[in-house]
Amino acid sequence: MTTPDPASTQAPAGRVSRGMNVQMLGKLVIMAGLMFGFGYALVPIYQAICEIAGINDLTKRDKGAEEFARNTQVDRSRKITIEFDANSRGAWLFKPEVNALEVHPGELVTVVYDLVNTRAVATAGQAIPSYAPQQSSPYFRKLECFCFKQQALDPSETRKFPVVFVIDPKLPRDVNTITLSYTFFEVGGLAPKAGG
């Protein structure tokens, strides 16, 4: 009686190797699909987390500010000094037309910022606001602001951008001065040109 040759009872090595390759390719395709899906979902996940946590919302439009401004009473017994500051990163000259104003809480106020593109090519930028003291931020209600979207300027163009705001009368009484500071950053790509 002869014993069977072990090589003849096993599948050919090429077929086994090919089956393993197809199986590995399937796993890699699934992994790539999952990674792509996760990467695609990161933006809405990030936005949801920021909205829940109340962070990174400095440039969002305050949807209730206009209604608030229409229905609030001006507190004439109190004055708040608002200081305006401007910084730029990139090819911009950027400054407020006034350095400070005294306003009553509840009063509708407009201040204008000048922005100049110093380059001979069109550029786009985004303004990011900050407030000092930081606790004043929720009481600074902006109805109109160039910081709500990217701004595009033509070569050597100068533009004026209004900021329309109201200070909530519920601002803590120990806050007598608020500094609104903008930093204007150059951004890649060119935003569609809009009037402010």
C-alpha atoms as a PDB file:
ATOM      1  CA  MET A   1       0.000   0.000   0.000  1.00  0.00           C
ATOM      2  CA  THR A   2       1.419   3.347  -0.996  1.00  0.00           C
ATOM      3  CA  THR A   3       0.862   6.474   0.986  1.00  0.00           C
ATOM      4  CA  PRO A   4      -0.484   9.437  -0.926  1.00  0.00           C
ATOM      5  CA  ASP A   5       1.908  12.197  -1.679  1.00  0.00           C
ATOM      6  CA  PRO A   6       1.094  15.191   0.663  1.00  0.00           C
ATOM      7  CA  ALA A   7       1.640  17.634  -2.174  1.00  0.00           C
ATOM      8  CA  SER A   8      -1.097  15.984  -4.236  1.00  0.00           C
ATOM      9  CA  THR A   9      -3.707  16.340  -1.432  1.00  0.00           C
ATOM     10  CA  GLN A  10      -3.161  20.078  -0.951  1.00  0.00           C
ATOM     11  CA  ALA A  11      -4.477  22.785  -3.239  1.00  0.00           C
ATOM     12  CA  PRO A  12      -1.905  24.258  -5.525  1.00  0.00           C
ATOM     13  CA  ALA A  13       0.038  27.052  -3.823  1.00  0.00           C
ATOM     14  CA  GLY A  14      -0.961  29.584  -6.501  1.00  0.00           C
ATOM     15  CA  ARG A  15      -4.680  29.091  -5.839  1.00  0.00           C
ATOM     16  CA  VAL A  16      -4.287  29.501  -2.063  1.00  0.00           C
ATOM     17  CA  SER A  17      -2.115  32.580  -2.485  1.00  0.00           C
ATOM     18  CA  ARG A  18      -4.584  34.101  -4.955  1.00  0.00           C
ATOM     19  CA  GLY A  19      -7.536  33.464  -2.620  1.00  0.00           C
ATOM     20  CA  MET A  20      -5.698  35.119   0.248  1.00  0.00           C
ATOM     21  CA  ASN A  21      -4.863  38.119  -1.945  1.00  0.00           C
ATOM     22  CA  VAL A  22      -8.510  38.561  -2.970  1.00  0.00           C
ATOM     23  CA  GLN A  23      -9.584  38.294   0.664  1.00  0.00           C
ATOM     24  CA  MET A  24      -6.942  40.865   1.713  1.00  0.00           C
ATOM     25  CA  LEU A  25      -7.980  43.200  -1.127  1.00  0.00           C
ATOM     26  CA  GLY A  26     -11.603  43.017   0.059  1.00  0.00           C
ATOM     27  CA  LYS A  27     -10.575  43.912   3.610  1.00  0.00           C
ATOM     28  CA  LEU A  28      -8.435  46.814   2.368  1.00  0.00           C
ATOM     29  CA  VAL A  29     -11.297  48.168   0.236  1.00  0.00           C
ATOM     30  CA  ILE A  30     -13.644  48.021   3.229  1.00  0.00           C
ATOM     31  CA  MET A  31     -11.067  49.750   5.453  1.00  0.00           C
ATOM     32  CA  ALA A  32     -10.468  52.470   2.835  1.00  0.00           C
ATOM     33  CA  GLY A  33     -14.232  53.005   2.539  1.00  0.00           C
ATOM     34  CA  LEU A  34     -14.607  53.273   6.322  1.00  0.00           C
ATOM     35  CA  MET A  35     -11.698  55.731   6.565  1.00  0.00           C
ATOM     36  CA  PHE A  36     -13.132  57.860   3.752  1.00  0.00           C
ATOM     37  CA  GLY A  37     -16.561  57.841   5.418  1.00  0.00           C
ATOM     38  CA  PHE A  38     -15.056  58.819   8.766  1.00  0.00           C
ATOM     39  CA  GLY A  39     -13.029  61.621   7.159  1.00  0.00           C
ATOM     40  CA  TYR A  40     -16.138  62.882   5.362  1.00  0.00           C
ATOM     41  CA  ALA A  41     -18.133  62.792   8.620  1.00  0.00           C
ATOM     42  CA  LEU A  42     -15.483  64.709  10.606  1.00  0.00           C
ATOM     43  CA  VAL A  43     -16.684  68.155   9.495  1.00  0.00           C
ATOM     44  CA  PRO A  44     -20.302  67.746  10.668  1.00  0.00           C
ATOM     45  CA  ILE A  45     -19.126  65.937  13.815  1.00  0.00           C
ATOM     46  CA  TYR A  46     -16.697  68.790  14.571  1.00  0.00           C
ATOM     47  CA  GLN A  47     -19.406  71.414  13.945  1.00  0.00           C
ATOM     48  CA  ALA A  48     -21.867  69.573  16.204  1.00  0.00           C
ATOM     49  CA  ILE A  49     -19.315  69.279  19.021  1.00  0.00           C
ATOM     50  CA  CYS A  50     -18.402  72.979  18.706  1.00  0.00           C
ATOM     51  CA  GLU A  51     -22.066  73.986  18.751  1.00  0.00           C
ATOM     52  CA  ILE A  52     -22.808  71.858  21.826  1.00  0.00           C
ATOM     53  CA  ALA A  53     -19.686  73.083  23.634  1.00  0.00           C
ATOM     54  CA  GLY A  54     -20.175  76.704  22.502  1.00  0.00           C
ATOM     55  CA  ILE A  55     -16.669  76.981  21.075  1.00  0.00           C
ATOM     56  CA  ASN A  56     -15.406  78.180  17.717  1.00  0.00           C
ATOM     57  CA  ASP A  57     -18.569  80.190  17.051  1.00  0.00           C
ATOM     58  CA  LEU A  58     -16.983  83.628  16.991  1.00  0.00           C
ATOM     59  CA  THR A  59     -17.725  84.248  13.320  1.00  0.00           C
ATOM     60  CA  LYS A  60     -21.265  82.886  13.259  1.00  0.00           C
ATOM     61  CA  ARG A  61     -24.150  85.241  12.663  1.00  0.00           C
ATOM     62  CA  ASP A  62     -26.163  85.941  15.820  1.00  0.00           C
ATOM     63  CA  LYS A  63     -29.607  85.005  14.507  1.00  0.00           C
ATOM     64  CA  GLY A  64     -31.441  86.613  17.412  1.00  0.00           C
ATOM     65  CA  ALA A  65     -29.492  89.899  17.494  1.00  0.00           C
ATOM     66  CA  GLU A  66     -31.818  91.830  15.201  1.00  0.00           C
ATOM     67  CA  GLU A  67     -34.928  90.838  17.145  1.00  0.00           C
ATOM     68  CA  PHE A  68     -33.091  91.558  20.397  1.00  0.00           C
ATOM     69  CA  ALA A  69     -32.103  95.062  19.203  1.00  0.00           C
ATOM     70  CA  ARG A  70     -35.707  95.861  18.238  1.00  0.00           C
ATOM     71  CA  ASN A  71     -37.117  94.775  21.586  1.00  0.00           C
ATOM     72  CA  THR A  72     -34.536  95.943  24.123  1.00  0.00           C
ATOM     73  CA  GLN A  73     -34.671  99.112  26.167  1.00  0.00           C
ATOM     74  CA  VAL A  74     -31.734 101.538  26.179  1.00  0.00           C
ATOM     75  CA  ASP A  75     -30.226 101.904  29.651  1.00  0.00           C
ATOM     76  CA  ARG A  76     -29.427 105.653  29.723  1.00  0.00           C
ATOM     77  CA  SER A  77     -28.244 105.463  33.325  1.00  0.00           C
ATOM     78  CA  ARG A  78     -25.092 103.615  32.302  1.00  0.00           C
ATOM     79  CA  LYS A  79     -22.272 104.102  29.775  1.00  0.00           C
ATOM     80  CA  ILE A  80     -19.856 101.458  28.505  1.00  0.00           C
ATOM     81  CA  THR A  81     -16.601 102.350  26.749  1.00  0.00           C
ATOM     82  CA  ILE A  82     -16.046 100.186  23.683  1.00  0.00           C
ATOM     83  CA  GLU A  83     -12.447 100.115  22.419  1.00  0.00           C
ATOM     84  CA  PHE A  84     -11.722  98.958  18.872  1.00  0.00           C
ATOM     85  CA  ASP A  85      -8.540  97.198  17.815  1.00  0.00           C
ATOM     86  CA  ALA A  86      -7.379  95.698  14.518  1.00  0.00           C
ATOM     87  CA  ASN A  87      -4.517  93.391  13.558  1.00  0.00           C
ATOM     88  CA  SER A  88      -3.741  91.765  10.237  1.00  0.00           C
ATOM     89  CA  ARG A  89      -1.792  88.765   9.033  1.00  0.00           C
ATOM     90  CA  GLY A  90      -1.035  89.017   5.349  1.00  0.00           C
ATOM     91  CA  ALA A  91      -1.239  91.689   2.692  1.00  0.00           C
ATOM     92  CA  TRP A  92      -3.689  93.993   4.456  1.00  0.00           C
ATOM     93  CA  LEU A  93      -3.857  97.414   6.062  1.00  0.00           C
ATOM     94  CA  PHE A  94      -6.655  97.124   8.572  1.00  0.00           C
ATOM     95  CA  LYS A  95      -7.932  99.628  11.158  1.00  0.00           C
ATOM     96  CA  PRO A  96     -11.091 100.998  12.767  1.00  0.00           C
ATOM     97  CA  GLU A  97     -12.138 104.561  11.898  1.00  0.00           C
ATOM     98  CA  VAL A  98     -12.500 105.331  15.628  1.00  0.00           C
ATOM     99  CA  ASN A  99     -10.480 103.887  18.491  1.00  0.00           C
ATOM    100  CA  ALA A 100     -13.222 104.059  21.133  1.00  0.00           C
ATOM    101  CA  LEU A 101     -16.869 105.018  21.714  1.00  0.00           C
ATOM    102  CA  GLU A 102     -19.057 105.471  24.774  1.00  0.00           C
ATOM    103  CA  VAL A 103     -22.390 103.681  24.363  1.00  0.00           C
ATOM    104  CA  HIS A 104     -25.458 102.995  26.459  1.00  0.00           C
ATOM    105  CA  PRO A 105     -26.411  99.315  26.877  1.00  0.00           C
ATOM    106  CA  GLY A 106     -29.296  98.548  24.518  1.00  0.00           C
ATOM    107  CA  GLU A 107     -28.261 101.309  22.066  1.00  0.00           C
ATOM    108  CA  LEU A 108     -27.754 100.337  18.413  1.00  0.00           C
ATOM    109  CA  VAL A 109     -24.202 101.300  17.376  1.00  0.00           C
ATOM    110  CA  THR A 110     -22.336 101.282  14.056  1.00  0.00           C
ATOM    111  CA  VAL A 111     -18.554 101.439  13.727  1.00  0.00           C
ATOM    112  CA  VAL A 112     -16.597 101.203  10.470  1.00  0.00           C
ATOM    113  CA  TYR A 113     -13.357  99.364   9.739  1.00  0.00           C
ATOM    114  CA  ASP A 114     -11.121 100.210   6.779  1.00  0.00           C
ATOM    115  CA  LEU A 115      -9.451  97.362   4.900  1.00  0.00           C
ATOM    116  CA  VAL A 116      -6.849  97.817   2.153  1.00  0.00           C
ATOM    117  CA  ASN A 117      -5.388  95.082  -0.040  1.00  0.00           C
ATOM    118  CA  THR A 118      -1.751  96.156  -0.446  1.00  0.00           C
ATOM    119  CA  ARG A 119      -0.986  93.583  -3.133  1.00  0.00           C
ATOM    120  CA  ALA A 120      -1.266  93.877  -6.898  1.00  0.00           C
ATOM    121  CA  VAL A 121      -3.324  90.653  -6.954  1.00  0.00           C
ATOM    122  CA  ALA A 122      -6.759  89.799  -5.604  1.00  0.00           C
ATOM    123  CA  THR A 123      -6.684  88.270  -2.126  1.00  0.00           C
ATOM    124  CA  ALA A 124      -9.201  86.887   0.360  1.00  0.00           C
ATOM    125  CA  GLY A 125      -9.286  87.009   4.133  1.00  0.00           C
ATOM    126  CA  GLN A 126     -11.315  86.254   7.227  1.00  0.00           C
ATOM    127  CA  ALA A 127     -11.639  88.410  10.338  1.00  0.00           C
ATOM    128  CA  ILE A 128     -11.710  86.666  13.712  1.00  0.00           C
ATOM    129  CA  PRO A 129     -13.037  88.726  16.645  1.00  0.00           C
ATOM    130  CA  SER A 130     -11.992  88.527  20.267  1.00  0.00           C
ATOM    131  CA  TYR A 131     -13.341  90.315  23.322  1.00  0.00           C
ATOM    132  CA  ALA A 132     -11.780  91.574  26.530  1.00  0.00           C
ATOM    133  CA  PRO A 133     -12.840  90.883  29.139  1.00  0.00           C
ATOM    134  CA  GLN A 134     -13.815  87.504  27.766  1.00  0.00           C
ATOM    135  CA  GLN A 135     -16.958  87.380  29.922  1.00  0.00           C
ATOM    136  CA  SER A 136     -18.391  90.259  27.857  1.00  0.00           C
ATOM    137  CA  SER A 137     -18.566  88.145  24.688  1.00  0.00           C
ATOM    138  CA  PRO A 138     -22.170  86.878  25.090  1.00  0.00           C
ATOM    139  CA  TYR A 139     -23.386  90.436  25.792  1.00  0.00           C
ATOM    140  CA  PHE A 140     -21.855  91.850  22.589  1.00  0.00           C
ATOM    141  CA  ARG A 141     -24.656  91.208  20.041  1.00  0.00           C
ATOM    142  CA  LYS A 142     -23.634  91.862  16.396  1.00  0.00           C
ATOM    143  CA  LEU A 143     -26.349  92.414  13.804  1.00  0.00           C
ATOM    144  CA  GLU A 144     -23.937  93.023  10.931  1.00  0.00           C
ATOM    145  CA  CYS A 145     -20.245  92.178  10.697  1.00  0.00           C
ATOM    146  CA  PHE A 146     -17.687  91.546   7.965  1.00  0.00           C
ATOM    147  CA  CYS A 147     -16.427  88.719  10.189  1.00  0.00           C
ATOM    148  CA  PHE A 148     -19.454  86.562   9.329  1.00  0.00           C
ATOM    149  CA  LYS A 149     -17.844  85.530   6.019  1.00  0.00           C
ATOM    150  CA  GLN A 150     -14.631  85.666   4.031  1.00  0.00           C
ATOM    151  CA  GLN A 151     -13.930  88.902   2.209  1.00  0.00           C
ATOM    152  CA  ALA A 152     -12.291  89.186  -1.207  1.00  0.00           C
ATOM    153  CA  LEU A 153     -10.577  92.347  -2.376  1.00  0.00           C
ATOM    154  CA  ASP A 154      -9.314  93.231  -5.837  1.00  0.00           C
ATOM    155  CA  PRO A 155      -5.703  94.347  -6.325  1.00  0.00           C
ATOM    156  CA  SER A 156      -4.992  97.518  -4.280  1.00  0.00           C
ATOM    157  CA  GLU A 157      -8.685  97.845  -3.375  1.00  0.00           C
ATOM    158  CA  THR A 158      -9.865  99.764  -0.285  1.00  0.00           C
ATOM    159  CA  ARG A 159     -13.180  98.888   1.368  1.00  0.00           C
ATOM    160  CA  LYS A 160     -15.139 100.057   4.388  1.00  0.00           C
ATOM    161  CA  PHE A 161     -16.902  97.452   6.514  1.00  0.00           C
ATOM    162  CA  PRO A 162     -19.546  98.371   9.096  1.00  0.00           C
ATOM    163  CA  VAL A 163     -20.040  96.503  12.343  1.00  0.00           C
ATOM    164  CA  VAL A 164     -23.525  97.020  13.776  1.00  0.00           C
ATOM    165  CA  PHE A 165     -23.955  95.907  17.369  1.00  0.00           C
ATOM    166  CA  VAL A 166     -25.827  96.362  20.614  1.00  0.00           C
ATOM    167  CA  ILE A 167     -24.591  95.718  24.145  1.00  0.00           C
ATOM    168  CA  ASP A 168     -27.019  93.643  26.185  1.00  0.00           C
ATOM    169  CA  PRO A 169     -28.190  95.671  29.224  1.00  0.00           C
ATOM    170  CA  LYS A 170     -27.677  92.490  31.293  1.00  0.00           C
ATOM    171  CA  LEU A 171     -23.904  93.017  30.990  1.00  0.00           C
ATOM    172  CA  PRO A 172     -22.495  92.687  34.528  1.00  0.00           C
ATOM    173  CA  ARG A 173     -22.308  96.077  36.231  1.00  0.00           C
ATOM    174  CA  ASP A 174     -18.610  95.682  37.027  1.00  0.00           C
ATOM    175  CA  VAL A 175     -17.771  95.711  33.291  1.00  0.00           C
ATOM    176  CA  ASN A 176     -17.284  99.319  32.197  1.00  0.00           C
ATOM    177  CA  THR A 177     -14.962  98.794  29.223  1.00  0.00           C
ATOM    178  CA  ILE A 178     -15.059  96.214  26.432  1.00  0.00           C
ATOM    179  CA  THR A 179     -12.334  95.812  23.824  1.00  0.00           C
ATOM    180  CA  LEU A 180     -13.412  94.405  20.472  1.00  0.00           C
ATOM    181  CA  SER A 181     -10.335  93.215  18.622  1.00  0.00           C
ATOM    182  CA  TYR A 182     -10.247  91.752  15.126  1.00  0.00           C
ATOM    183  CA  THR A 183      -7.414  89.844  13.540  1.00  0.00           C
ATOM    184  CA  PHE A 184      -7.674  89.635   9.761  1.00  0.00           C
ATOM    185  CA  PHE A 185      -6.046  86.515   8.289  1.00  0.00           C
ATOM    186  CA  GLU A 186      -5.316  85.867   4.649  1.00  0.00           C
ATOM    187  CA  VAL A 187      -6.965  82.630   3.482  1.00  0.00           C
ATOM    188  CA  GLY A 188      -6.159  80.314   0.611  1.00  0.00           C
ATOM    189  CA  GLY A 189      -8.455  80.355  -2.371  1.00  0.00           C
ATOM    190  CA  LEU A 190     -10.495  83.372  -3.279  1.00  0.00           C
ATOM    191  CA  ALA A 191     -13.894  83.924  -1.697  1.00  0.00           C
ATOM    192  CA  PRO A 192     -16.610  85.144  -4.062  1.00  0.00           C
ATOM    193  CA  LYS A 193     -16.737  88.917  -3.930  1.00  0.00           C
ATOM    194  CA  ALA A 194     -19.592  90.214  -1.807  1.00  0.00           C
ATOM    195  CA  GLY A 195     -20.560  93.594  -0.519  1.00  0.00           C
ATOM    196  CA  GLY A 196     -19.586  92.997   3.078  1.00  0.00           C
END
